[in-house]
Protein backbone atom coordinates (compact mmCIF):
# COMPACT_ATOMS: atom_id res chain seq x y z
CA MET A 1 42.32 16.39 -221.30
CA LYS A 2 40.99 13.00 -220.20
CA ARG A 3 44.20 12.35 -218.28
CA PHE A 4 43.94 15.73 -216.57
CA SER A 5 40.33 15.03 -215.59
CA ALA A 6 41.25 11.61 -214.22
CA LEU A 7 44.20 13.07 -212.31
CA ALA A 8 42.06 15.90 -210.90
CA LEU A 9 39.34 13.45 -209.85
CA SER A 10 41.91 11.17 -208.21
CA LEU A 11 43.51 14.09 -206.37
CA PHE A 12 40.10 15.33 -205.17
CA ALA A 13 39.20 11.84 -203.92
CA SER A 14 42.52 11.60 -202.05
CA ILE A 15 42.03 15.00 -200.42
CA SER A 16 38.46 14.09 -199.46
CA LEU A 17 39.61 10.85 -197.86
CA PHE A 18 42.38 12.62 -195.95
CA ALA A 19 40.04 15.35 -194.75
CA ALA A 20 37.58 12.75 -193.44
CA ASP A 21 40.30 11.31 -191.20
CA THR A 22 40.95 14.61 -189.40
CA PHE A 23 38.64 17.02 -187.63
CA PRO A 24 39.11 20.32 -185.83
CA VAL A 25 38.08 21.21 -182.29
CA SER A 26 39.04 24.79 -181.52
CA ALA A 27 42.59 25.37 -182.81
CA LEU A 28 43.49 21.67 -182.53
CA THR A 29 43.23 19.12 -185.34
CA PHE A 30 42.60 15.54 -184.30
CA THR A 31 43.20 12.42 -186.38
CA LEU A 32 40.55 9.72 -186.29
CA PRO A 33 42.14 6.54 -184.89
CA ASP A 34 42.00 3.41 -187.06
CA GLY A 35 38.79 1.47 -186.56
CA TRP A 36 36.95 4.36 -184.89
CA LYS A 37 34.07 6.13 -186.60
CA SER A 38 33.04 9.76 -186.75
CA VAL A 39 29.34 10.14 -185.94
CA PRO A 40 27.07 13.18 -185.89
CA PRO A 41 27.26 14.94 -182.50
CA ALA A 42 24.26 14.08 -180.30
CA SER A 43 23.94 17.70 -179.12
CA ALA A 44 24.92 21.19 -180.25
CA MET A 45 27.34 21.45 -177.30
CA ARG A 46 29.51 18.70 -178.77
CA LYS A 47 32.10 19.85 -181.29
CA ALA A 48 32.75 16.29 -182.50
CA GLN A 49 31.76 12.76 -181.57
CA LEU A 50 33.31 9.38 -182.30
CA ALA A 51 32.23 5.79 -181.80
CA VAL A 52 34.63 3.01 -180.85
CA PRO A 53 32.95 -0.17 -182.13
CA GLY A 54 32.36 -2.91 -179.59
CA LYS A 55 33.71 -6.40 -180.00
CA GLU A 56 31.53 -8.88 -181.90
CA GLY A 57 28.58 -6.51 -182.07
CA GLY A 58 28.82 -5.51 -178.39
CA LYS A 59 28.21 -2.02 -177.04
CA SER A 60 30.40 0.69 -178.46
CA ALA A 61 32.18 3.43 -176.55
CA ASP A 62 31.40 7.11 -177.17
CA VAL A 63 34.08 9.77 -177.46
CA THR A 64 32.81 13.34 -177.16
CA PHE A 65 34.64 16.63 -177.68
CA PHE A 66 33.68 19.95 -176.09
CA HIS A 67 35.11 23.46 -176.37
CA PHE A 68 33.42 26.53 -174.91
CA GLY A 69 36.09 29.17 -175.54
CA SER A 70 38.44 30.95 -173.18
CA GLU A 71 35.58 32.01 -170.88
CA SER A 72 34.32 28.45 -170.44
CA PRO A 73 31.02 28.15 -168.54
CA ALA A 74 31.95 24.51 -167.87
CA GLY A 75 34.36 25.47 -165.09
CA GLY A 76 38.04 24.72 -164.88
CA VAL A 77 39.95 21.48 -164.91
CA GLN A 78 39.09 20.39 -161.35
CA ALA A 79 35.38 21.19 -161.71
CA ASN A 80 35.18 18.96 -164.76
CA VAL A 81 37.26 16.19 -163.22
CA GLN A 82 34.87 16.10 -160.26
CA ARG A 83 31.78 16.24 -162.51
CA TRP A 84 33.06 13.36 -164.65
CA LEU A 85 34.01 11.20 -161.67
CA GLY A 86 30.63 11.96 -160.09
CA GLN A 87 28.95 10.26 -163.04
CA PHE A 88 30.25 6.91 -161.78
CA ALA A 89 29.78 4.72 -158.72
CA ALA A 90 33.37 3.51 -158.70
CA ALA A 91 35.21 1.05 -156.53
CA GLU A 92 37.72 2.49 -154.08
CA GLY A 93 40.96 3.37 -155.86
CA ALA A 94 39.45 3.05 -159.35
CA SER A 95 39.45 6.80 -160.04
CA LYS A 96 42.69 8.40 -161.18
CA THR A 97 43.77 11.85 -162.31
CA GLU A 98 47.11 12.21 -164.05
CA PRO A 99 48.68 15.51 -165.13
CA LEU A 100 50.71 15.15 -168.32
CA ASP A 101 52.80 17.51 -170.42
CA PHE A 102 52.88 17.07 -174.19
CA GLY A 103 55.44 19.47 -175.61
CA GLY A 104 54.69 22.16 -173.03
CA VAL A 105 50.89 21.73 -173.23
CA LYS A 106 49.20 20.65 -170.01
CA VAL A 107 46.81 17.73 -170.35
CA THR A 108 44.89 16.25 -167.43
CA VAL A 109 43.90 12.62 -167.96
CA VAL A 110 41.01 11.25 -165.91
CA SER A 111 39.95 7.61 -165.60
CA THR A 112 37.55 5.55 -163.57
CA GLU A 113 35.44 2.43 -163.84
CA GLY A 114 32.40 0.97 -162.17
CA THR A 115 28.73 1.74 -162.75
CA MET A 116 27.99 4.74 -164.92
CA LYS A 117 24.99 6.42 -163.35
CA GLY A 118 21.92 6.76 -165.53
CA GLY A 119 19.97 9.95 -165.89
CA GLN A 120 23.07 12.17 -166.02
CA PHE A 121 23.06 14.96 -168.60
CA GLY A 122 24.17 13.40 -171.88
CA GLY A 123 24.52 9.97 -170.28
CA PRO A 124 22.46 6.79 -170.47
CA ALA A 125 18.87 6.69 -169.21
CA THR A 126 19.69 3.71 -166.98
CA ASP A 127 22.74 2.67 -164.98
CA GLU A 128 25.50 0.96 -167.00
CA PRO A 129 27.49 -1.52 -164.88
CA GLU A 130 31.05 -2.46 -165.87
CA PHE A 131 31.59 0.84 -167.67
CA ALA A 132 34.64 3.06 -167.71
CA LEU A 133 35.55 6.65 -168.38
CA LEU A 134 38.76 7.91 -169.96
CA GLY A 135 38.92 11.67 -170.33
CA ALA A 136 41.41 14.36 -171.19
CA ILE A 137 41.33 18.09 -170.61
CA ILE A 138 43.75 19.99 -172.84
CA GLU A 139 44.66 23.42 -171.49
CA HIS A 140 44.82 25.69 -174.52
CA THR A 141 45.13 29.44 -175.06
CA GLU A 142 41.71 29.46 -176.77
CA GLY A 143 40.16 27.69 -173.79
CA PRO A 144 40.22 24.11 -172.59
CA VAL A 145 39.25 21.24 -174.88
CA PHE A 146 37.37 18.47 -173.06
CA ILE A 147 37.43 14.93 -174.45
CA LYS A 148 35.55 12.12 -172.74
CA MET A 149 35.26 8.44 -173.68
CA THR A 150 32.70 6.24 -171.91
CA GLY A 151 31.78 2.66 -172.64
CA PRO A 152 32.26 -0.94 -171.58
CA SER A 153 35.32 -1.21 -169.29
CA ALA A 154 37.23 -3.72 -171.42
CA LEU A 155 36.72 -1.66 -174.59
CA VAL A 156 37.77 1.63 -172.97
CA LYS A 157 40.90 0.01 -171.51
CA GLU A 158 41.75 -1.50 -174.90
CA ALA A 159 41.27 1.91 -176.61
CA ARG A 160 43.48 3.84 -174.17
CA GLU A 161 46.61 3.77 -176.32
CA LYS A 162 44.78 5.09 -179.41
CA PHE A 163 43.00 7.72 -177.28
CA THR A 164 46.31 8.97 -175.87
CA ALA A 165 47.98 8.97 -179.30
CA MET A 166 45.05 10.97 -180.74
CA ILE A 167 45.41 13.62 -178.01
CA LYS A 168 49.19 13.76 -178.25
CA GLY A 169 49.05 14.05 -182.05
CA ALA A 170 46.62 16.99 -181.92
CA VAL A 171 48.62 18.82 -179.25
CA GLU A 172 51.93 18.33 -181.06
CA LYS A 173 50.48 19.67 -184.35
CA LYS A 174 49.33 22.92 -182.75
């Protein structure tokens, strides 16, 4: 009986650890990238929120997830792309929009860098120079899933590969 109890406890601990590394947003299941942390969402509108730790105690980057259903009040892809880019005073040519296809699922990737304007809804209270945005809008039958990372430019650029892999992994699991 002791062995069974130990085995059951070990199995439960393993399942708990695995479950902590994944999280759902709508019908998609995302895997937490190594080194990133899940944090409580800062508002009820956010379905999940992650922190990408800064280097040597520097500022972290925030990754936020939104899903409003198939009748999204947030507008379509282009409305959100424009809203996100409008949150930055960016240098000419710094803003990019890239349509991707992951296994037949349309994903629009948005990026920019410059000064993130303060006072924006959900943004910093003051301007944040040398910041960047990396976002993805996943077009899904249950409504678009919006994912936005903002933080220090160097950190966001460094995190791009993990961000893309996280999105691709969730879309391919569907």
